[in-house]
C-alpha atoms as a PDB file:
ATOM      1  CA  MET A   1       0.606  11.211 -23.993  1.00  0.00           C
ATOM      2  CA  ALA A   2      -2.782  12.404 -23.202  1.00  0.00           C
ATOM      3  CA  LEU A   3      -4.454  11.031 -20.210  1.00  0.00           C
ATOM      4  CA  ASN A   4      -8.184  10.925 -19.394  1.00  0.00           C
ATOM      5  CA  THR A   5      -8.253  11.473 -15.749  1.00  0.00           C
ATOM      6  CA  ASN A   6     -12.015  12.030 -15.451  1.00  0.00           C
ATOM      7  CA  LYS A   7     -13.241   8.561 -16.562  1.00  0.00           C
ATOM      8  CA  HIS A   8     -14.713   7.869 -13.095  1.00  0.00           C
ATOM      9  CA  PRO A   9     -16.370  10.559 -11.045  1.00  0.00           C
ATOM     10  CA  GLU A  10     -15.074   9.044  -7.825  1.00  0.00           C
ATOM     11  CA  THR A  11     -11.563  10.112  -8.750  1.00  0.00           C
ATOM     12  CA  GLN A  12     -12.539  13.774  -7.994  1.00  0.00           C
ATOM     13  CA  PRO A  13     -12.082  15.104  -4.494  1.00  0.00           C
ATOM     14  CA  ARG A  14     -14.308  13.574  -1.874  1.00  0.00           C
ATOM     15  CA  HIS A  15     -15.381  15.511   1.211  1.00  0.00           C
ATOM     16  CA  ILE A  16     -17.782  13.201   2.967  1.00  0.00           C
ATOM     17  CA  GLN A  17     -15.926  10.741   5.084  1.00  0.00           C
ATOM     18  CA  GLU A  18     -17.306   7.253   5.796  1.00  0.00           C
ATOM     19  CA  GLU A  19     -16.092   4.096   7.489  1.00  0.00           C
ATOM     20  CA  LEU A  20     -15.051   0.807   5.981  1.00  0.00           C
ATOM     21  CA  ARG A  21     -16.370  -2.019   8.096  1.00  0.00           C
ATOM     22  CA  ILE A  22     -13.599  -4.532   9.099  1.00  0.00           C
ATOM     23  CA  HIS A  23     -14.410  -8.126   9.176  1.00  0.00           C
ATOM     24  CA  GLN A  24     -11.268  -9.800  10.433  1.00  0.00           C
ATOM     25  CA  PRO A  25     -11.822 -10.140  14.258  1.00  0.00           C
ATOM     26  CA  TRP A  26      -8.272  -9.347  15.244  1.00  0.00           C
ATOM     27  CA  LEU A  27      -8.220  -6.056  13.231  1.00  0.00           C
ATOM     28  CA  ALA A  28     -11.696  -5.106  14.222  1.00  0.00           C
ATOM     29  CA  GLU A  29     -10.579  -5.246  17.820  1.00  0.00           C
ATOM     30  CA  LEU A  30      -8.074  -2.402  17.087  1.00  0.00           C
ATOM     31  CA  LEU A  31     -10.536  -0.628  14.757  1.00  0.00           C
ATOM     32  CA  PRO A  32     -14.112  -1.100  16.080  1.00  0.00           C
ATOM     33  CA  ASP A  33     -15.484   1.732  14.089  1.00  0.00           C
ATOM     34  CA  GLY A  34     -13.774   0.659  10.886  1.00  0.00           C
ATOM     35  CA  LEU A  35     -11.215   2.482   8.614  1.00  0.00           C
ATOM     36  CA  PRO A  36     -12.128   6.025   7.593  1.00  0.00           C
ATOM     37  CA  TYR A  37     -12.238   6.723   3.929  1.00  0.00           C
ATOM     38  CA  PRO A  38     -11.083   8.564   1.856  1.00  0.00           C
ATOM     39  CA  SER A  39      -7.974   8.732   3.952  1.00  0.00           C
ATOM     40  CA  SER A  40      -4.285   7.801   4.041  1.00  0.00           C
ATOM     41  CA  THR A  41      -2.860   5.006   6.151  1.00  0.00           C
ATOM     42  CA  LEU A  42       0.818   4.161   6.846  1.00  0.00           C
ATOM     43  CA  ILE A  43       1.935   0.904   8.392  1.00  0.00           C
ATOM     44  CA  SER A  44       5.465   1.378   9.618  1.00  0.00           C
ATOM     45  CA  GLY A  45       7.891  -1.133  11.044  1.00  0.00           C
ATOM     46  CA  PRO A  46      11.086  -3.269  10.490  1.00  0.00           C
ATOM     47  CA  GLY A  47      11.742  -4.838   7.126  1.00  0.00           C
ATOM     48  CA  GLY A  48      10.472  -8.316   6.498  1.00  0.00           C
ATOM     49  CA  SER A  49       7.971  -8.123   9.431  1.00  0.00           C
ATOM     50  CA  GLY A  50       4.885  -8.867   7.292  1.00  0.00           C
ATOM     51  CA  LYS A  51       3.320  -5.487   6.983  1.00  0.00           C
ATOM     52  CA  PRO A  52       1.828  -6.167   3.496  1.00  0.00           C
ATOM     53  CA  LEU A  53       0.019  -9.113   5.006  1.00  0.00           C
ATOM     54  CA  ILE A  54      -1.700  -6.804   7.385  1.00  0.00           C
ATOM     55  CA  GLY A  55      -2.545  -4.461   4.559  1.00  0.00           C
ATOM     56  CA  PHE A  56      -4.161  -7.336   2.658  1.00  0.00           C
ATOM     57  CA  ALA A  57      -6.764  -7.517   5.424  1.00  0.00           C
ATOM     58  CA  PHE A  58      -7.982  -3.947   4.334  1.00  0.00           C
ATOM     59  CA  VAL A  59      -7.857  -4.981   0.746  1.00  0.00           C
ATOM     60  CA  TYR A  60     -10.197  -7.933   1.518  1.00  0.00           C
ATOM     61  CA  ASP A  61     -12.818  -5.620   2.901  1.00  0.00           C
ATOM     62  CA  TRP A  62     -12.346  -2.981   0.291  1.00  0.00           C
ATOM     63  CA  LEU A  63     -12.907  -5.494  -2.563  1.00  0.00           C
ATOM     64  CA  LYS A  64     -15.849  -7.111  -0.830  1.00  0.00           C
ATOM     65  CA  ALA A  65     -17.478  -3.710  -0.284  1.00  0.00           C
ATOM     66  CA  GLY A  66     -17.246  -2.924  -4.099  1.00  0.00           C
ATOM     67  CA  GLY A  67     -14.218  -0.771  -4.329  1.00  0.00           C
ATOM     68  CA  ASN A  68     -11.284  -0.770  -6.761  1.00  0.00           C
ATOM     69  CA  VAL A  69      -7.684  -1.619  -5.733  1.00  0.00           C
ATOM     70  CA  ILE A  70      -4.401  -0.605  -7.458  1.00  0.00           C
ATOM     71  CA  PHE A  71      -1.575  -2.826  -6.146  1.00  0.00           C
ATOM     72  CA  ILE A  72       1.960  -1.337  -6.209  1.00  0.00           C
ATOM     73  CA  PRO A  73       4.204  -4.041  -4.819  1.00  0.00           C
ATOM     74  CA  LEU A  74       7.491  -2.197  -5.005  1.00  0.00           C
ATOM     75  CA  GLN A  75       9.595  -4.913  -3.382  1.00  0.00           C
ATOM     76  CA  TYR A  76       8.152  -7.927  -5.290  1.00  0.00           C
ATOM     77  CA  PRO A  77       8.902  -8.991  -8.840  1.00  0.00           C
ATOM     78  CA  ASP A  78       5.252  -9.902  -9.690  1.00  0.00           C
ATOM     79  CA  THR A  79       1.696 -10.155  -8.355  1.00  0.00           C
ATOM     80  CA  LYS A  80       2.045 -13.579  -6.995  1.00  0.00           C
ATOM     81  CA  LEU A  81       2.364 -12.526  -3.350  1.00  0.00           C
ATOM     82  CA  ALA A  82      -0.889 -10.561  -3.425  1.00  0.00           C
ATOM     83  CA  LYS A  83      -2.772 -13.395  -5.141  1.00  0.00           C
ATOM     84  CA  THR A  84      -1.528 -16.261  -2.812  1.00  0.00           C
ATOM     85  CA  SER A  85      -1.634 -14.224   0.278  1.00  0.00           C
ATOM     86  CA  LEU A  86      -5.154 -13.112  -0.101  1.00  0.00           C
ATOM     87  CA  LYS A  87      -6.233 -16.688  -0.778  1.00  0.00           C
ATOM     88  CA  ARG A  88      -4.167 -18.285   2.040  1.00  0.00           C
ATOM     89  CA  LEU A  89      -4.922 -15.718   4.653  1.00  0.00           C
ATOM     90  CA  TYR A  90      -8.400 -14.464   3.842  1.00  0.00           C
ATOM     91  CA  ASP A  91      -9.875 -16.962   1.431  1.00  0.00           C
ATOM     92  CA  LEU A  92     -10.234 -14.436  -1.279  1.00  0.00           C
ATOM     93  CA  ASP A  93      -9.814 -15.363  -4.945  1.00  0.00           C
ATOM     94  CA  ILE A  94      -8.829 -12.201  -6.599  1.00  0.00           C
ATOM     95  CA  ASN A  95      -9.489 -13.767  -9.997  1.00  0.00           C
ATOM     96  CA  GLU A  96     -13.209 -13.030  -9.116  1.00  0.00           C
ATOM     97  CA  TYR A  97     -12.331  -9.291  -8.971  1.00  0.00           C
ATOM     98  CA  SER A  98     -10.288  -9.024 -12.177  1.00  0.00           C
ATOM     99  CA  SER A  99     -12.202  -5.889 -13.363  1.00  0.00           C
ATOM    100  CA  LYS A 100     -11.606  -4.239  -9.930  1.00  0.00           C
ATOM    101  CA  ILE A 101      -7.873  -4.715  -9.662  1.00  0.00           C
ATOM    102  CA  ALA A 102      -4.894  -3.190 -11.354  1.00  0.00           C
ATOM    103  CA  TYR A 103      -1.080  -3.621 -10.854  1.00  0.00           C
ATOM    104  CA  ILE A 104       1.790  -1.261 -11.332  1.00  0.00           C
ATOM    105  CA  LYS A 105       5.319  -2.786 -11.180  1.00  0.00           C
ATOM    106  CA  LEU A 106       8.392  -0.666 -10.459  1.00  0.00           C
ATOM    107  CA  SER A 107      10.687  -0.592 -13.525  1.00  0.00           C
ATOM    108  CA  PRO A 108      13.392   2.027 -12.941  1.00  0.00           C
ATOM    109  CA  ASP A 109      14.785   1.317 -16.479  1.00  0.00           C
ATOM    110  CA  LEU A 110      11.841   2.733 -18.230  1.00  0.00           C
ATOM    111  CA  ASP A 111      11.573   6.409 -19.140  1.00  0.00           C
ATOM    112  CA  ARG A 112       7.920   6.634 -18.025  1.00  0.00           C
ATOM    113  CA  TRP A 113       5.480   3.776 -18.171  1.00  0.00           C
ATOM    114  CA  LYS A 114       3.953   1.166 -20.456  1.00  0.00           C
ATOM    115  CA  LYS A 115       1.049  -1.324 -20.280  1.00  0.00           C
ATOM    116  CA  ILE A 116       2.063  -4.938 -19.919  1.00  0.00           C
ATOM    117  CA  ASN A 117      -1.088  -6.818 -20.323  1.00  0.00           C
ATOM    118  CA  GLY A 118      -4.684  -6.750 -18.950  1.00  0.00           C
ATOM    119  CA  ASN A 119      -4.795  -4.341 -15.991  1.00  0.00           C
ATOM    120  CA  ALA A 120      -1.064  -4.353 -15.425  1.00  0.00           C
ATOM    121  CA  LEU A 121       1.494  -1.643 -16.038  1.00  0.00           C
ATOM    122  CA  GLU A 122       5.282  -1.173 -15.613  1.00  0.00           C
ATOM    123  CA  ALA A 123       6.399   2.312 -14.613  1.00  0.00           C
ATOM    124  CA  ASN A 124       9.460   4.342 -13.542  1.00  0.00           C
ATOM    125  CA  LEU A 125       7.828   5.133 -10.174  1.00  0.00           C
ATOM    126  CA  LEU A 126      11.109   6.858  -8.961  1.00  0.00           C
ATOM    127  CA  LYS A 127       9.884   9.860 -10.943  1.00  0.00           C
ATOM    128  CA  PRO A 128       7.078  11.559  -8.935  1.00  0.00           C
ATOM    129  CA  ASP A 129       5.115  12.825 -12.020  1.00  0.00           C
ATOM    130  CA  VAL A 130       5.334   9.184 -13.532  1.00  0.00           C
ATOM    131  CA  TRP A 131       3.654   7.936 -10.252  1.00  0.00           C
ATOM    132  CA  ASP A 132       0.694  10.197 -11.032  1.00  0.00           C
ATOM    133  CA  GLU A 133       0.420   9.113 -14.603  1.00  0.00           C
ATOM    134  CA  ALA A 134       0.604   5.487 -13.878  1.00  0.00           C
ATOM    135  CA  ILE A 135      -2.085   5.715 -11.118  1.00  0.00           C
ATOM    136  CA  ASN A 136      -4.427   7.649 -13.466  1.00  0.00           C
ATOM    137  CA  GLU A 137      -3.892   5.132 -16.302  1.00  0.00           C
ATOM    138  CA  ALA A 138      -4.331   2.096 -14.124  1.00  0.00           C
ATOM    139  CA  GLU A 139      -7.570   3.719 -12.520  1.00  0.00           C
ATOM    140  CA  ASN A 140      -8.879   4.234 -16.069  1.00  0.00           C
ATOM    141  CA  LEU A 141      -8.558   0.501 -16.802  1.00  0.00           C
ATOM    142  CA  LEU A 142     -10.876  -0.387 -13.974  1.00  0.00           C
ATOM    143  CA  ALA A 143     -14.685  -0.666 -13.551  1.00  0.00           C
ATOM    144  CA  LYS A 144     -16.322   1.994 -11.477  1.00  0.00           C
ATOM    145  CA  GLY A 145     -15.332   1.799  -7.833  1.00  0.00           C
ATOM    146  CA  GLY A 146     -18.817   2.355  -6.337  1.00  0.00           C
ATOM    147  CA  ASP A 147     -19.082   4.585  -3.331  1.00  0.00           C
ATOM    148  CA  LEU A 148     -15.604   3.628  -2.072  1.00  0.00           C
ATOM    149  CA  GLY A 149     -13.633   4.599  -5.144  1.00  0.00           C
ATOM    150  CA  THR A 150      -9.994   3.453  -5.356  1.00  0.00           C
ATOM    151  CA  LEU A 151      -7.624   2.019  -2.768  1.00  0.00           C
ATOM    152  CA  VAL A 152      -3.962   2.438  -3.708  1.00  0.00           C
ATOM    153  CA  SER A 153      -2.070  -0.295  -1.836  1.00  0.00           C
ATOM    154  CA  ALA A 154       1.761   0.117  -2.098  1.00  0.00           C
ATOM    155  CA  SER A 155       4.220  -1.800  -0.129  1.00  0.00           C
ATOM    156  CA  ALA A 156       7.936  -0.892   0.762  1.00  0.00           C
ATOM    157  CA  LEU A 157       7.461   2.782  -0.135  1.00  0.00           C
ATOM    158  CA  ASN A 158      10.893   3.413   1.406  1.00  0.00           C
ATOM    159  CA  LEU A 159      12.613   1.899  -1.607  1.00  0.00           C
ATOM    160  CA  LEU A 160      11.843   5.135  -3.505  1.00  0.00           C
ATOM    161  CA  LEU A 161      14.380   6.931  -1.184  1.00  0.00           C
ATOM    162  CA  PHE A 162      17.313   4.950  -2.167  1.00  0.00           C
ATOM    163  CA  SER A 163      17.790   6.722  -5.470  1.00  0.00           C
ATOM    164  CA  PRO A 164      20.047   9.805  -4.905  1.00  0.00           C
ATOM    165  CA  THR A 165      18.508  11.642  -7.753  1.00  0.00           C
ATOM    166  CA  TYR A 166      14.900  11.279  -6.689  1.00  0.00           C
ATOM    167  CA  ARG A 167      15.094  10.806  -2.981  1.00  0.00           C
ATOM    168  CA  LYS A 168      14.221  14.322  -1.829  1.00  0.00           C
ATOM    169  CA  HIS A 169      11.557  14.637  -4.536  1.00  0.00           C
ATOM    170  CA  ASN A 170       9.921  11.446  -3.292  1.00  0.00           C
ATOM    171  CA  LEU A 171      10.202  12.253   0.317  1.00  0.00           C
ATOM    172  CA  ASP A 172       8.438  15.588  -0.194  1.00  0.00           C
ATOM    173  CA  LYS A 173       5.904  14.140  -2.642  1.00  0.00           C
ATOM    174  CA  PHE A 174       4.717  11.407  -0.422  1.00  0.00           C
ATOM    175  CA  GLU A 175       4.683  13.583   2.680  1.00  0.00           C
ATOM    176  CA  ARG A 176       2.230  15.851   0.876  1.00  0.00           C
ATOM    177  CA  LEU A 177       0.185  12.923  -0.557  1.00  0.00           C
ATOM    178  CA  LEU A 178      -0.234  11.358   2.852  1.00  0.00           C
ATOM    179  CA  ASN A 179      -1.287  14.758   4.367  1.00  0.00           C
ATOM    180  CA  GLU A 180      -3.385  16.185   1.657  1.00  0.00           C
ATOM    181  CA  ASP A 181      -4.663  13.854  -1.078  1.00  0.00           C
ATOM    182  CA  LYS A 182      -8.229  12.897  -0.559  1.00  0.00           C
ATOM    183  CA  LYS A 183      -9.082  11.908  -4.116  1.00  0.00           C
ATOM    184  CA  ARG A 184      -8.395   8.235  -3.223  1.00  0.00           C
ATOM    185  CA  THR A 185      -7.775   6.088  -0.156  1.00  0.00           C
ATOM    186  CA  TYR A 186      -4.106   5.192   0.360  1.00  0.00           C
ATOM    187  CA  LEU A 187      -2.559   2.247   2.253  1.00  0.00           C
ATOM    188  CA  PHE A 188       1.184   2.293   2.306  1.00  0.00           C
ATOM    189  CA  THR A 189       3.719   0.101   4.127  1.00  0.00           C
ATOM    190  CA  VAL A 190       7.251   1.372   4.886  1.00  0.00           C
ATOM    191  CA  SER A 191      10.349  -0.204   6.356  1.00  0.00           C
ATOM    192  CA  THR A 192      12.208   1.673   9.179  1.00  0.00           C
ATOM    193  CA  GLU A 193      15.604  -0.142   8.390  1.00  0.00           C
ATOM    194  CA  ALA A 194      17.020   2.861   6.610  1.00  0.00           C
ATOM    195  CA  PHE A 195      16.344   6.608   6.419  1.00  0.00           C
ATOM    196  CA  ARG A 196      14.784   6.605   9.880  1.00  0.00           C
ATOM    197  CA  GLU A 197      14.467  10.336  10.240  1.00  0.00           C
ATOM    198  CA  ASP A 198      12.881  10.655   6.789  1.00  0.00           C
ATOM    199  CA  ILE A 199      10.432   7.900   7.636  1.00  0.00           C
ATOM    200  CA  LYS A 200       9.452   9.917  10.734  1.00  0.00           C
ATOM    201  CA  ARG A 201       8.338  12.695   8.427  1.00  0.00           C
ATOM    202  CA  TRP A 202       6.016  10.218   6.632  1.00  0.00           C
ATOM    203  CA  GLU A 203       4.784   8.906   9.921  1.00  0.00           C
ATOM    204  CA  ARG A 204       3.659  12.413  10.943  1.00  0.00           C
ATOM    205  CA  ALA A 205       1.802  12.965   7.746  1.00  0.00           C
ATOM    206  CA  PRO A 206      -0.997  10.304   7.329  1.00  0.00           C
ATOM    207  CA  ASP A 207      -4.497  10.366   8.608  1.00  0.00           C
ATOM    208  CA  ASN A 208      -3.960   6.869  10.127  1.00  0.00           C
ATOM    209  CA  LEU A 209      -0.760   5.452  11.555  1.00  0.00           C
ATOM    210  CA  MET A 210       0.009   1.924  12.587  1.00  0.00           C
ATOM    211  CA  PHE A 211       3.146   0.169  13.824  1.00  0.00           C
ATOM    212  CA  ALA A 212       4.117  -3.438  13.148  1.00  0.00           C
ATOM    213  CA  ARG A 213       6.884  -5.411  14.757  1.00  0.00           C
ATOM    214  CA  MET A 214       8.277  -8.967  14.649  1.00  0.00           C
ATOM    215  CA  GLU A 215       9.107 -10.885  17.915  1.00  0.00           C
ATOM    216  CA  LYS A 216      10.851 -14.247  18.004  1.00  0.00           C
ATOM    217  CA  PRO A 217       9.877 -16.882  17.136  1.00  0.00           C
ATOM    218  CA  MET A 218       8.234 -15.064  14.103  1.00  0.00           C
ATOM    219  CA  LYS A 219       5.219 -13.526  15.917  1.00  0.00           C
ATOM    220  CA  LEU A 220       3.849 -10.438  14.312  1.00  0.00           C
ATOM    221  CA  TYR A 221       2.312  -7.559  16.410  1.00  0.00           C
ATOM    222  CA  LEU A 222       0.280  -4.593  15.441  1.00  0.00           C
ATOM    223  CA  LYS A 223      -0.610  -1.306  17.170  1.00  0.00           C
ATOM    224  CA  VAL A 224      -2.621   1.615  16.120  1.00  0.00           C
ATOM    225  CA  ALA A 225      -1.081   5.006  16.873  1.00  0.00           C
ATOM    226  CA  LYS A 226      -3.522   7.256  15.058  1.00  0.00           C
ATOM    227  CA  ILE A 227      -7.005   7.086  13.441  1.00  0.00           C
ATOM    228  CA  GLU A 228      -7.800  10.492  12.117  1.00  0.00           C
ATOM    229  CA  ASN A 229      -8.543  12.689  15.233  1.00  0.00           C
ATOM    230  CA  LYS A 230     -10.150   9.884  17.158  1.00  0.00           C
ATOM    231  CA  GLN A 231      -9.109   8.502  20.481  1.00  0.00           C
ATOM    232  CA  VAL A 232      -7.516   5.046  19.877  1.00  0.00           C
ATOM    233  CA  SER A 233      -6.673   2.128  22.093  1.00  0.00           C
ATOM    234  CA  SER A 234      -3.041   1.632  23.215  1.00  0.00           C
ATOM    235  CA  LYS A 235      -3.532  -2.101  22.928  1.00  0.00           C
ATOM    236  CA  GLU A 236      -1.049  -4.103  20.786  1.00  0.00           C
ATOM    237  CA  ILE A 237      -2.377  -7.407  19.325  1.00  0.00           C
ATOM    238  CA  GLN A 238      -0.662 -10.450  17.846  1.00  0.00           C
ATOM    239  CA  VAL A 239      -1.628 -10.792  14.153  1.00  0.00           C
ATOM    240  CA  PRO A 240      -2.720 -14.525  13.622  1.00  0.00           C
ATOM    241  CA  ILE A 241      -0.593 -15.340  10.630  1.00  0.00           C
ATOM    242  CA  GLU A 242       1.272 -18.584  10.569  1.00  0.00           C
ATOM    243  CA  LYS A 243       4.989 -18.733  11.229  1.00  0.00           C
ATOM    244  CA  GLU A 244       5.597 -20.350   7.825  1.00  0.00           C
ATOM    245  CA  ILE A 245       3.911 -17.570   5.939  1.00  0.00           C
ATOM    246  CA  LEU A 246       5.839 -14.900   7.756  1.00  0.00           C
ATOM    247  CA  GLU A 247       9.127 -16.668   7.160  1.00  0.00           C
ATOM    248  CA  GLU A 248       8.247 -16.859   3.430  1.00  0.00           C
ATOM    249  CA  ILE A 249       7.630 -13.058   3.102  1.00  0.00           C
ATOM    250  CA  LYS A 250      10.676 -12.209   5.203  1.00  0.00           C
ATOM    251  CA  GLU A 251      12.817 -14.353   2.904  1.00  0.00           C
ATOM    252  CA  ILE A 252      11.437 -12.712  -0.173  1.00  0.00           C
ATOM    253  CA  ALA A 253      11.896  -9.225   1.331  1.00  0.00           C
ATOM    254  CA  GLU A 254      15.504  -9.847   2.165  1.00  0.00           C
ATOM    255  CA  SER A 255      16.397 -11.248  -1.267  1.00  0.00           C
ATOM    256  CA  VAL A 256      14.775  -8.228  -3.054  1.00  0.00           C
ATOM    257  CA  ARG A 257      16.599  -5.757  -0.802  1.00  0.00           C
ATOM    258  CA  LYS A 258      19.923  -7.426  -1.722  1.00  0.00           C
ATOM    259  CA  ARG A 259      19.109  -7.374  -5.400  1.00  0.00           C
ATOM    260  CA  GLU A 260      17.246  -4.107  -5.912  1.00  0.00           C
ATOM    261  CA  ILE A 261      18.661  -1.543  -3.487  1.00  0.00           C
ATOM    262  CA  PRO A 262      22.160  -1.544  -5.067  1.00  0.00           C
ATOM    263  CA  LYS A 263      20.523  -0.803  -8.407  1.00  0.00           C
ATOM    264  CA  LEU A 264      18.473   1.999  -7.021  1.00  0.00           C
ATOM    265  CA  MET A 265      21.460   3.608  -5.365  1.00  0.00           C
ATOM    266  CA  LYS A 266      23.147   4.155  -8.701  1.00  0.00           C
ATOM    267  CA  ILE A 267      20.100   6.095 -10.099  1.00  0.00           C
END
């Protein structure tokens, strides 16, 4: 299958780094200079603690600034969470950005990938080379991403480690990607519930590292550990997300873990 990976010039390596302005006051408090791009960001923390909801704050600013977004919701069966969360939390209707957004769904039963409809794909993302093919194809479905280019937003990256066949390959691949790839901007969330030592390798690799945690009764906290080579504040802030929304995402995450992890462990 021939792929045109050069449709957009912004997919080529970028060497000039800029800052994405952050508009959410709680996040701007931690990132007063914005988020560097192109760069890699990892948000790490316990499962079900609401990490993707934090990531959506960056997605909001990226879309508003004219960039493209590729969503890869590894732990969710469809795109509903992204749509409803961006509307409920940040009052952003992603239907207004249909030419700027693509989705890739994890489908381990596929050999490689296939287009579903519109700007949506299914792909066997357990295979490292299929990840690259699917990203390129999704990017080619989108309008030009302006000066920002493409933000790849993937949640629950740790699920790719549950396959005995592909675990080592994916551990190495995403360590390299977080450390070296500057063609795009990457925003990943990862759970620390399993493979803790492996996750530490990923935590050492990105340009930007943040830690999220949940405290009873359903309070989400965020701390920035690293932003490129800049000095960062040691402050931890409470993320202003309602308890009901945090409970919903925790319930979804737990149900998916129970359903999907046993399948992945057999591959």
